[in-house]
């Protein structure tokens, strides 16, 4: 296994501050950041900071793309009016993110005990998403059953009221959300 990067060996709070400064500076200003680290007692080269910043920027852009995709998906589904689809799509995105996190944790240059703890938390979150999907599926099944019952009841009332077969079918389709 290769040597751990100098940035990964920084204390977490210093690394977090470094990451914050990198994002605020638009992933630039490595000379200034190396000077700041030197002032607080850490000797890290500009090139090490640039490698870290390049990876952080790629991760940041990927995360922002996921946020944009999630927002667009939620907006599109919200316009269609099906809450179940929003939850299902969000669940899929969460599972994809958790998979990425678990892969990154396995590849990370960190303490194995901390990595194991983090992977355990990701696994727990993945299980929670799975349970949410099962609950969502049950909810959708119950909703579908209730819609079918309502459509059948409405159909019976409409037929007794003398509506045409086409009108009854149109009402049934509207209740069930079926478009022709």
Protein backbone atom coordinates (compact mmCIF):
# COMPACT_ATOMS: atom_id res chain seq x y z
CA UNK A 1 0.00 0.00 0.00
CA UNK A 2 1.31 3.48 -0.86
CA UNK A 3 2.22 6.18 1.55
CA UNK A 4 -0.68 8.10 3.10
CA UNK A 5 -1.10 11.66 1.86
CA UNK A 6 0.05 14.46 4.11
CA UNK A 7 -3.43 16.02 4.04
CA UNK A 8 -5.09 12.79 5.20
CA UNK A 9 -2.80 12.80 8.23
CA UNK A 10 -4.00 16.22 9.39
CA UNK A 11 -6.31 16.30 12.42
CA UNK A 12 -9.94 16.17 11.36
CA UNK A 13 -10.76 19.72 12.44
CA UNK A 14 -7.77 21.13 10.49
CA UNK A 15 -8.69 19.06 7.42
CA UNK A 16 -12.31 20.27 7.68
CA UNK A 17 -11.14 23.89 7.83
CA UNK A 18 -8.81 23.27 4.88
CA UNK A 19 -11.70 21.79 2.89
CA UNK A 20 -13.93 24.74 3.79
CA UNK A 21 -11.24 27.18 2.64
CA UNK A 22 -10.72 25.22 -0.57
CA UNK A 23 -14.42 25.39 -1.42
CA UNK A 24 -14.62 29.10 -0.56
CA UNK A 25 -11.58 29.88 -2.72
CA UNK A 26 -12.98 27.99 -5.69
CA UNK A 27 -10.37 25.24 -5.26
CA UNK A 28 -7.44 27.57 -5.75
CA UNK A 29 -4.97 29.56 -3.68
CA UNK A 30 -2.77 26.62 -2.77
CA UNK A 31 0.24 28.80 -1.94
CA UNK A 32 -1.81 30.75 0.60
CA UNK A 33 -3.25 27.54 2.08
CA UNK A 34 0.24 26.03 2.41
CA UNK A 35 1.27 29.23 4.24
CA UNK A 36 -1.73 29.05 6.56
CA UNK A 37 -0.97 25.41 7.38
CA UNK A 38 2.69 26.29 8.02
CA UNK A 39 1.57 29.06 10.44
CA UNK A 40 -0.41 26.55 12.48
CA UNK A 41 2.40 24.00 12.51
CA UNK A 42 1.82 21.71 9.52
CA UNK A 43 4.31 21.49 6.68
CA UNK A 44 2.41 20.39 3.57
CA UNK A 45 3.56 21.11 0.04
CA UNK A 46 1.54 23.07 -2.46
CA UNK A 47 1.44 20.02 -4.76
CA UNK A 48 0.01 17.81 -1.98
CA UNK A 49 -2.66 20.43 -1.38
CA UNK A 50 -3.38 20.63 -5.08
CA UNK A 51 -3.82 16.83 -5.36
CA UNK A 52 -6.18 16.92 -2.37
CA UNK A 53 -8.02 19.95 -3.77
CA UNK A 54 -8.43 18.34 -7.19
CA UNK A 55 -10.01 15.24 -5.63
CA UNK A 56 -12.17 17.33 -3.30
CA UNK A 57 -13.36 19.43 -6.24
CA UNK A 58 -14.27 16.31 -8.23
CA UNK A 59 -16.18 14.92 -5.22
CA UNK A 60 -17.85 18.30 -4.68
CA UNK A 61 -18.94 18.56 -8.32
CA UNK A 62 -20.29 15.01 -8.27
CA UNK A 63 -22.28 15.75 -5.12
CA UNK A 64 -23.65 18.98 -6.58
CA UNK A 65 -24.65 17.16 -9.77
CA UNK A 66 -26.54 14.66 -7.62
CA UNK A 67 -28.29 17.51 -5.79
CA UNK A 68 -29.27 19.14 -9.09
CA UNK A 69 -30.51 15.82 -10.46
CA UNK A 70 -32.51 15.13 -7.30
CA UNK A 71 -34.10 18.57 -7.36
CA UNK A 72 -35.01 18.26 -11.04
CA UNK A 73 -36.46 14.80 -10.47
CA UNK A 74 -38.46 15.92 -7.45
CA UNK A 75 -39.79 18.94 -9.37
CA UNK A 76 -40.79 16.79 -12.34
CA UNK A 77 -42.52 14.21 -10.17
CA UNK A 78 -44.17 16.90 -8.04
CA UNK A 79 -45.62 18.37 -11.23
CA UNK A 80 -47.07 14.94 -12.00
CA UNK A 81 -48.46 14.71 -8.47
CA UNK A 82 -47.27 11.24 -7.43
CA UNK A 83 -45.60 11.42 -4.03
CA UNK A 84 -44.71 7.74 -4.14
CA UNK A 85 -42.59 8.27 -7.23
CA UNK A 86 -40.66 11.07 -5.50
CA UNK A 87 -39.94 8.83 -2.52
CA UNK A 88 -38.96 5.93 -4.73
CA UNK A 89 -36.64 8.07 -6.85
CA UNK A 90 -35.10 9.62 -3.75
CA UNK A 91 -34.56 6.19 -2.28
CA UNK A 92 -32.73 5.08 -5.41
CA UNK A 93 -30.50 8.15 -5.31
CA UNK A 94 -29.78 7.57 -1.61
CA UNK A 95 -28.79 3.98 -2.31
CA UNK A 96 -26.46 5.12 -5.09
CA UNK A 97 -24.86 7.68 -2.76
CA UNK A 98 -24.43 5.13 0.03
CA UNK A 99 -22.74 2.77 -2.42
CA UNK A 100 -20.34 5.53 -3.47
CA UNK A 101 -19.60 6.35 0.16
CA UNK A 102 -18.88 2.73 1.04
CA UNK A 103 -16.52 2.39 -1.94
CA UNK A 104 -14.76 5.63 -0.98
CA UNK A 105 -14.41 4.44 2.61
CA UNK A 106 -12.79 1.20 1.50
CA UNK A 107 -10.34 3.18 -0.64
CA UNK A 108 -9.69 5.89 1.95
CA UNK A 109 -6.36 6.32 3.61
CA UNK A 110 -7.66 6.29 7.16
CA UNK A 111 -7.54 4.36 10.37
CA UNK A 112 -9.04 0.88 9.72
CA UNK A 113 -11.10 1.04 12.93
CA UNK A 114 -12.59 4.40 11.91
CA UNK A 115 -13.24 3.11 8.39
CA UNK A 116 -15.01 0.03 9.80
CA UNK A 117 -17.14 2.25 12.03
CA UNK A 118 -18.04 4.49 9.10
CA UNK A 119 -18.86 1.53 6.86
CA UNK A 120 -21.09 0.18 9.64
CA UNK A 121 -22.96 3.50 9.73
CA UNK A 122 -23.34 3.47 5.95
CA UNK A 123 -24.65 -0.11 6.09
CA UNK A 124 -27.18 0.92 8.73
CA UNK A 125 -28.29 3.87 6.59
CA UNK A 126 -28.61 1.54 3.59
CA UNK A 127 -30.82 -0.78 5.64
CA UNK A 128 -32.96 2.20 6.68
CA UNK A 129 -33.44 3.13 3.03
CA UNK A 130 -34.41 -0.47 2.29
CA UNK A 131 -37.00 -0.40 5.07
CA UNK A 132 -38.31 2.88 3.69
CA UNK A 133 -38.72 1.27 0.27
CA UNK A 134 -40.64 -1.67 1.77
CA UNK A 135 -42.92 0.74 3.66
CA UNK A 136 -43.38 2.79 0.49
CA UNK A 137 -44.29 -0.32 -1.49
CA UNK A 138 -46.88 -1.34 1.15
CA UNK A 139 -48.30 2.19 1.15
CA UNK A 140 -48.57 2.17 -2.65
CA UNK A 141 -50.30 -1.22 -2.59
CA UNK A 142 -52.79 0.01 0.03
CA UNK A 143 -53.42 3.17 -1.97
CA UNK A 144 -53.97 1.16 -5.14
CA UNK A 145 -56.44 -1.14 -3.32
CA UNK A 146 -58.37 1.85 -1.96
CA UNK A 147 -58.43 3.50 -5.39
CA UNK A 148 -59.78 0.30 -6.97
CA UNK A 149 -62.49 0.06 -4.30
CA UNK A 150 -63.41 3.73 -4.78
CA UNK A 151 -63.49 3.31 -8.56
CA UNK A 152 -65.75 0.26 -8.28
CA UNK A 153 -68.10 2.02 -5.86
CA UNK A 154 -68.25 5.10 -8.08
CA UNK A 155 -68.83 2.91 -11.13
CA UNK A 156 -71.79 1.22 -9.44
CA UNK A 157 -73.33 4.56 -8.44
CA UNK A 158 -72.76 6.02 -11.91
CA UNK A 159 -74.40 3.05 -13.64
CA UNK A 160 -77.41 3.28 -11.32
CA UNK A 161 -77.57 7.01 -12.08
CA UNK A 162 -77.87 6.28 -15.78
CA UNK A 163 -74.44 7.38 -17.03
CA UNK A 164 -73.22 5.92 -20.28
CA UNK A 165 -70.57 3.20 -20.29
CA UNK A 166 -68.06 5.71 -21.72
CA UNK A 167 -68.74 8.21 -18.92
CA UNK A 168 -68.41 5.47 -16.29
CA UNK A 169 -65.11 4.33 -17.82
CA UNK A 170 -63.82 7.92 -17.90
CA UNK A 171 -64.65 8.38 -14.20
CA UNK A 172 -62.95 5.06 -13.38
CA UNK A 173 -59.81 6.08 -15.29
CA UNK A 174 -59.68 9.43 -13.49
CA UNK A 175 -59.94 7.80 -10.07
CA UNK A 176 -57.26 5.24 -10.90
CA UNK A 177 -55.03 7.79 -12.60
CA UNK A 178 -55.04 5.91 -15.90
CA UNK A 179 -54.65 8.03 -19.00
CA UNK A 180 -55.75 6.76 -22.36
